[in-house]
């Protein structure tokens, strides 16, 4: 598929991995629906002024271990709150491992436990690990945004302090 895409949109094809079928199909759809390559559409979009004026606030912890501890605790809460039952219910309703929704972190691992008898505790540890990796990728992504405002906490998420920082920013912007 990627070879065929290269014939109509070399720029997009060069950015994609051969196994990234969803993005390859999306690039084909763009050409079919608009008559122009996705890469051309992307370049045109970058030249357009922003539609909205917005401010982005990134919330994180000073120490990454504190963030990871919070993630691990949240996964434990999701498991004790019935995530496995939720995944089992979806499977019973006919949702398969091939559905996009079942590729989400947590769903994918628990679906394997349910359908193939994989070890639950190993699956929970994998959910924690994949969630931590996802958080790390998000932080890497956000660091590229030089206009974002960061709110960094010590050991505990201080929501009221975060709200005050945002309110102060909004008041100054008036």
C-alpha atoms as a PDB file:
ATOM      1  CA  UNK A   1       0.000   0.000   0.000  1.00  0.00           C
ATOM      2  CA  UNK A   2       2.783   2.399   0.890  1.00  0.00           C
ATOM      3  CA  UNK A   3       4.376   1.920  -2.540  1.00  0.00           C
ATOM      4  CA  UNK A   4       1.093   2.923  -4.220  1.00  0.00           C
ATOM      5  CA  UNK A   5       0.746   5.925  -1.902  1.00  0.00           C
ATOM      6  CA  UNK A   6       4.236   7.041  -2.871  1.00  0.00           C
ATOM      7  CA  UNK A   7       2.988   7.422  -6.468  1.00  0.00           C
ATOM      8  CA  UNK A   8       0.338   9.981  -5.472  1.00  0.00           C
ATOM      9  CA  UNK A   9       1.770  11.514  -2.268  1.00  0.00           C
ATOM     10  CA  UNK A  10       5.490  10.897  -1.841  1.00  0.00           C
ATOM     11  CA  UNK A  11       5.814  13.358   1.052  1.00  0.00           C
ATOM     12  CA  UNK A  12       3.186  11.574   3.174  1.00  0.00           C
ATOM     13  CA  UNK A  13       4.444   8.127   2.158  1.00  0.00           C
ATOM     14  CA  UNK A  14       7.981   8.996   3.249  1.00  0.00           C
ATOM     15  CA  UNK A  15       6.731   9.951   6.715  1.00  0.00           C
ATOM     16  CA  UNK A  16       4.737   6.762   7.306  1.00  0.00           C
ATOM     17  CA  UNK A  17       5.772   3.315   8.446  1.00  0.00           C
ATOM     18  CA  UNK A  18       4.756   0.427   6.149  1.00  0.00           C
ATOM     19  CA  UNK A  19       2.623  -1.138   8.917  1.00  0.00           C
ATOM     20  CA  UNK A  20       0.775   2.086   9.757  1.00  0.00           C
ATOM     21  CA  UNK A  21      -2.282   1.051   7.783  1.00  0.00           C
ATOM     22  CA  UNK A  22      -4.645   3.568   9.388  1.00  0.00           C
ATOM     23  CA  UNK A  23      -2.551   6.574   8.369  1.00  0.00           C
ATOM     24  CA  UNK A  24      -1.865   5.127   4.921  1.00  0.00           C
ATOM     25  CA  UNK A  25      -5.600   4.657   4.342  1.00  0.00           C
ATOM     26  CA  UNK A  26      -6.216   8.187   5.646  1.00  0.00           C
ATOM     27  CA  UNK A  27      -3.729   9.565   3.103  1.00  0.00           C
ATOM     28  CA  UNK A  28      -5.534   7.712   0.294  1.00  0.00           C
ATOM     29  CA  UNK A  29      -8.903   8.985   1.553  1.00  0.00           C
ATOM     30  CA  UNK A  30      -7.627  12.553   1.499  1.00  0.00           C
ATOM     31  CA  UNK A  31      -6.699  12.259  -2.171  1.00  0.00           C
ATOM     32  CA  UNK A  32      -9.991  10.567  -3.048  1.00  0.00           C
ATOM     33  CA  UNK A  33     -12.119  13.084  -1.144  1.00  0.00           C
ATOM     34  CA  UNK A  34     -10.294  16.310  -1.951  1.00  0.00           C
ATOM     35  CA  UNK A  35      -8.378  15.560  -5.128  1.00  0.00           C
ATOM     36  CA  UNK A  36      -5.119  16.642  -3.528  1.00  0.00           C
ATOM     37  CA  UNK A  37      -2.478  14.856  -1.446  1.00  0.00           C
ATOM     38  CA  UNK A  38      -2.723  14.935   2.333  1.00  0.00           C
ATOM     39  CA  UNK A  39       0.729  16.523   2.498  1.00  0.00           C
ATOM     40  CA  UNK A  40      -0.512  19.424   0.360  1.00  0.00           C
ATOM     41  CA  UNK A  41      -3.559  19.844   2.605  1.00  0.00           C
ATOM     42  CA  UNK A  42      -1.304  19.807   5.682  1.00  0.00           C
ATOM     43  CA  UNK A  43       0.964  22.489   4.196  1.00  0.00           C
ATOM     44  CA  UNK A  44      -2.025  24.681   3.325  1.00  0.00           C
ATOM     45  CA  UNK A  45      -3.412  24.274   6.844  1.00  0.00           C
ATOM     46  CA  UNK A  46      -0.129  25.416   8.387  1.00  0.00           C
ATOM     47  CA  UNK A  47      -0.336  28.650   6.406  1.00  0.00           C
ATOM     48  CA  UNK A  48      -3.811  29.467   7.745  1.00  0.00           C
ATOM     49  CA  UNK A  49      -4.050  31.698  10.813  1.00  0.00           C
ATOM     50  CA  UNK A  50      -5.309  30.017  13.958  1.00  0.00           C
ATOM     51  CA  UNK A  51      -9.093  29.997  14.164  1.00  0.00           C
ATOM     52  CA  UNK A  52      -9.130  30.551  17.886  1.00  0.00           C
ATOM     53  CA  UNK A  53      -6.976  32.298  20.396  1.00  0.00           C
ATOM     54  CA  UNK A  54      -6.229  29.811  23.118  1.00  0.00           C
ATOM     55  CA  UNK A  55      -3.852  29.121  25.943  1.00  0.00           C
ATOM     56  CA  UNK A  56      -2.703  25.623  26.796  1.00  0.00           C
ATOM     57  CA  UNK A  57      -1.899  24.616  30.328  1.00  0.00           C
ATOM     58  CA  UNK A  58       0.176  21.494  30.891  1.00  0.00           C
ATOM     59  CA  UNK A  59      -0.161  19.836  34.295  1.00  0.00           C
ATOM     60  CA  UNK A  60       2.641  17.629  35.563  1.00  0.00           C
ATOM     61  CA  UNK A  61       4.842  16.764  38.521  1.00  0.00           C
ATOM     62  CA  UNK A  62       8.406  17.983  39.154  1.00  0.00           C
ATOM     63  CA  UNK A  63       9.571  14.457  39.802  1.00  0.00           C
ATOM     64  CA  UNK A  64       8.625  11.910  37.162  1.00  0.00           C
ATOM     65  CA  UNK A  65       8.483   9.156  39.816  1.00  0.00           C
ATOM     66  CA  UNK A  66       5.624  11.048  41.490  1.00  0.00           C
ATOM     67  CA  UNK A  67       3.751  11.143  38.187  1.00  0.00           C
ATOM     68  CA  UNK A  68       4.374   7.443  37.615  1.00  0.00           C
ATOM     69  CA  UNK A  69       3.231   6.612  41.152  1.00  0.00           C
ATOM     70  CA  UNK A  70      -0.017   8.516  40.479  1.00  0.00           C
ATOM     71  CA  UNK A  71      -0.495   6.604  37.216  1.00  0.00           C
ATOM     72  CA  UNK A  72       0.073   3.247  38.941  1.00  0.00           C
ATOM     73  CA  UNK A  73      -2.432   4.154  41.654  1.00  0.00           C
ATOM     74  CA  UNK A  74      -5.001   5.183  39.033  1.00  0.00           C
ATOM     75  CA  UNK A  75      -4.604   1.871  37.191  1.00  0.00           C
ATOM     76  CA  UNK A  76      -5.150  -0.007  40.466  1.00  0.00           C
ATOM     77  CA  UNK A  77      -8.324   2.055  41.055  1.00  0.00           C
ATOM     78  CA  UNK A  78      -9.570   1.279  37.546  1.00  0.00           C
ATOM     79  CA  UNK A  79      -8.987  -2.447  38.060  1.00  0.00           C
ATOM     80  CA  UNK A  80     -10.728  -2.477  41.437  1.00  0.00           C
ATOM     81  CA  UNK A  81     -13.511  -0.339  39.933  1.00  0.00           C
ATOM     82  CA  UNK A  82     -14.413  -3.033  37.423  1.00  0.00           C
ATOM     83  CA  UNK A  83     -12.398  -2.386  34.267  1.00  0.00           C
ATOM     84  CA  UNK A  84     -12.084  -6.119  33.624  1.00  0.00           C
ATOM     85  CA  UNK A  85     -15.875  -6.481  33.825  1.00  0.00           C
ATOM     86  CA  UNK A  86     -16.289  -3.575  31.422  1.00  0.00           C
ATOM     87  CA  UNK A  87     -13.962  -5.196  28.879  1.00  0.00           C
ATOM     88  CA  UNK A  88     -15.698  -8.548  29.350  1.00  0.00           C
ATOM     89  CA  UNK A  89     -19.070  -6.886  28.730  1.00  0.00           C
ATOM     90  CA  UNK A  90     -17.798  -5.364  25.481  1.00  0.00           C
ATOM     91  CA  UNK A  91     -16.481  -8.728  24.324  1.00  0.00           C
ATOM     92  CA  UNK A  92     -19.835 -10.332  25.162  1.00  0.00           C
ATOM     93  CA  UNK A  93     -21.547  -7.673  23.023  1.00  0.00           C
ATOM     94  CA  UNK A  94     -19.415  -8.647  20.038  1.00  0.00           C
ATOM     95  CA  UNK A  95     -16.599  -6.117  20.222  1.00  0.00           C
ATOM     96  CA  UNK A  96     -13.499  -7.914  18.967  1.00  0.00           C
ATOM     97  CA  UNK A  97      -9.798  -7.351  19.508  1.00  0.00           C
ATOM     98  CA  UNK A  98      -9.694  -5.886  15.995  1.00  0.00           C
ATOM     99  CA  UNK A  99     -11.961  -2.964  16.903  1.00  0.00           C
ATOM    100  CA  UNK A 100     -10.119   0.311  17.475  1.00  0.00           C
ATOM    101  CA  UNK A 101     -11.696   0.727  20.902  1.00  0.00           C
ATOM    102  CA  UNK A 102     -10.072  -2.503  22.059  1.00  0.00           C
ATOM    103  CA  UNK A 103      -6.624  -1.142  21.181  1.00  0.00           C
ATOM    104  CA  UNK A 104      -6.763   1.358  24.049  1.00  0.00           C
ATOM    105  CA  UNK A 105      -4.339   0.897  26.915  1.00  0.00           C
ATOM    106  CA  UNK A 106      -6.000  -1.345  29.475  1.00  0.00           C
ATOM    107  CA  UNK A 107      -8.649  -2.746  27.175  1.00  0.00           C
ATOM    108  CA  UNK A 108      -6.137  -4.558  24.988  1.00  0.00           C
ATOM    109  CA  UNK A 109      -4.318  -6.174  27.925  1.00  0.00           C
ATOM    110  CA  UNK A 110      -7.497  -7.208  29.749  1.00  0.00           C
ATOM    111  CA  UNK A 111      -9.047  -8.554  26.556  1.00  0.00           C
ATOM    112  CA  UNK A 112      -6.091 -10.942  26.338  1.00  0.00           C
ATOM    113  CA  UNK A 113      -6.713 -12.036  29.932  1.00  0.00           C
ATOM    114  CA  UNK A 114     -10.358 -12.731  29.117  1.00  0.00           C
ATOM    115  CA  UNK A 115      -9.949 -14.330  25.702  1.00  0.00           C
ATOM    116  CA  UNK A 116      -6.737 -16.297  26.094  1.00  0.00           C
ATOM    117  CA  UNK A 117      -6.298 -16.720  29.829  1.00  0.00           C
ATOM    118  CA  UNK A 118      -3.273 -14.438  30.127  1.00  0.00           C
ATOM    119  CA  UNK A 119      -2.090 -13.666  33.661  1.00  0.00           C
ATOM    120  CA  UNK A 120      -4.119 -10.834  35.239  1.00  0.00           C
ATOM    121  CA  UNK A 121      -1.322  -9.473  37.447  1.00  0.00           C
ATOM    122  CA  UNK A 122       1.087  -9.406  34.490  1.00  0.00           C
ATOM    123  CA  UNK A 123      -1.586  -7.614  32.437  1.00  0.00           C
ATOM    124  CA  UNK A 124      -2.067  -5.007  35.176  1.00  0.00           C
ATOM    125  CA  UNK A 125       1.688  -4.389  35.298  1.00  0.00           C
ATOM    126  CA  UNK A 126       1.728  -4.019  31.510  1.00  0.00           C
ATOM    127  CA  UNK A 127      -1.154  -1.513  31.697  1.00  0.00           C
ATOM    128  CA  UNK A 128       0.846   0.519  34.218  1.00  0.00           C
ATOM    129  CA  UNK A 129       3.976   0.390  32.075  1.00  0.00           C
ATOM    130  CA  UNK A 130       2.134   1.363  28.872  1.00  0.00           C
ATOM    131  CA  UNK A 131       0.332   4.188  30.702  1.00  0.00           C
ATOM    132  CA  UNK A 132       3.654   5.544  31.989  1.00  0.00           C
ATOM    133  CA  UNK A 133       5.139   5.340  28.493  1.00  0.00           C
ATOM    134  CA  UNK A 134       2.121   7.169  27.082  1.00  0.00           C
ATOM    135  CA  UNK A 135       2.489   9.926  29.692  1.00  0.00           C
ATOM    136  CA  UNK A 136       6.164  10.278  28.800  1.00  0.00           C
ATOM    137  CA  UNK A 137       5.300  10.618  25.081  1.00  0.00           C
ATOM    138  CA  UNK A 138       2.668  13.242  25.938  1.00  0.00           C
ATOM    139  CA  UNK A 139       5.175  15.299  27.920  1.00  0.00           C
ATOM    140  CA  UNK A 140       7.668  15.053  25.061  1.00  0.00           C
ATOM    141  CA  UNK A 141       4.956  16.226  22.654  1.00  0.00           C
ATOM    142  CA  UNK A 142       3.923  19.137  24.882  1.00  0.00           C
ATOM    143  CA  UNK A 143       7.526  20.342  25.318  1.00  0.00           C
ATOM    144  CA  UNK A 144       7.535  21.239  21.615  1.00  0.00           C
ATOM    145  CA  UNK A 145       4.763  23.772  22.230  1.00  0.00           C
ATOM    146  CA  UNK A 146       6.608  26.914  23.248  1.00  0.00           C
ATOM    147  CA  UNK A 147       3.327  28.758  23.881  1.00  0.00           C
ATOM    148  CA  UNK A 148       2.073  26.311  26.503  1.00  0.00           C
ATOM    149  CA  UNK A 149       2.021  27.284  30.171  1.00  0.00           C
ATOM    150  CA  UNK A 150       3.231  24.618  32.550  1.00  0.00           C
ATOM    151  CA  UNK A 151       1.839  24.015  36.021  1.00  0.00           C
ATOM    152  CA  UNK A 152       4.212  21.782  37.941  1.00  0.00           C
ATOM    153  CA  UNK A 153       3.376  20.145  41.247  1.00  0.00           C
ATOM    154  CA  UNK A 154       5.577  18.613  43.903  1.00  0.00           C
ATOM    155  CA  UNK A 155       4.307  15.410  45.525  1.00  0.00           C
ATOM    156  CA  UNK A 156       0.578  16.084  45.307  1.00  0.00           C
ATOM    157  CA  UNK A 157      -1.643  17.527  42.594  1.00  0.00           C
ATOM    158  CA  UNK A 158      -2.689  20.871  44.032  1.00  0.00           C
ATOM    159  CA  UNK A 159      -5.813  21.514  41.977  1.00  0.00           C
ATOM    160  CA  UNK A 160      -6.759  24.708  43.815  1.00  0.00           C
ATOM    161  CA  UNK A 161      -3.284  26.183  43.131  1.00  0.00           C
ATOM    162  CA  UNK A 162      -3.629  25.227  39.463  1.00  0.00           C
ATOM    163  CA  UNK A 163      -7.021  26.921  39.267  1.00  0.00           C
ATOM    164  CA  UNK A 164      -5.575  30.067  40.843  1.00  0.00           C
ATOM    165  CA  UNK A 165      -2.712  30.153  38.327  1.00  0.00           C
ATOM    166  CA  UNK A 166      -5.179  29.830  35.452  1.00  0.00           C
ATOM    167  CA  UNK A 167      -7.518  32.471  36.926  1.00  0.00           C
ATOM    168  CA  UNK A 168      -4.613  34.842  37.385  1.00  0.00           C
ATOM    169  CA  UNK A 169      -3.548  34.313  33.794  1.00  0.00           C
ATOM    170  CA  UNK A 170      -7.088  34.934  32.522  1.00  0.00           C
ATOM    171  CA  UNK A 171      -7.425  38.107  34.607  1.00  0.00           C
ATOM    172  CA  UNK A 172      -4.134  39.437  33.224  1.00  0.00           C
ATOM    173  CA  UNK A 173      -5.262  38.667  29.671  1.00  0.00           C
ATOM    174  CA  UNK A 174      -8.360  40.880  29.973  1.00  0.00           C
END
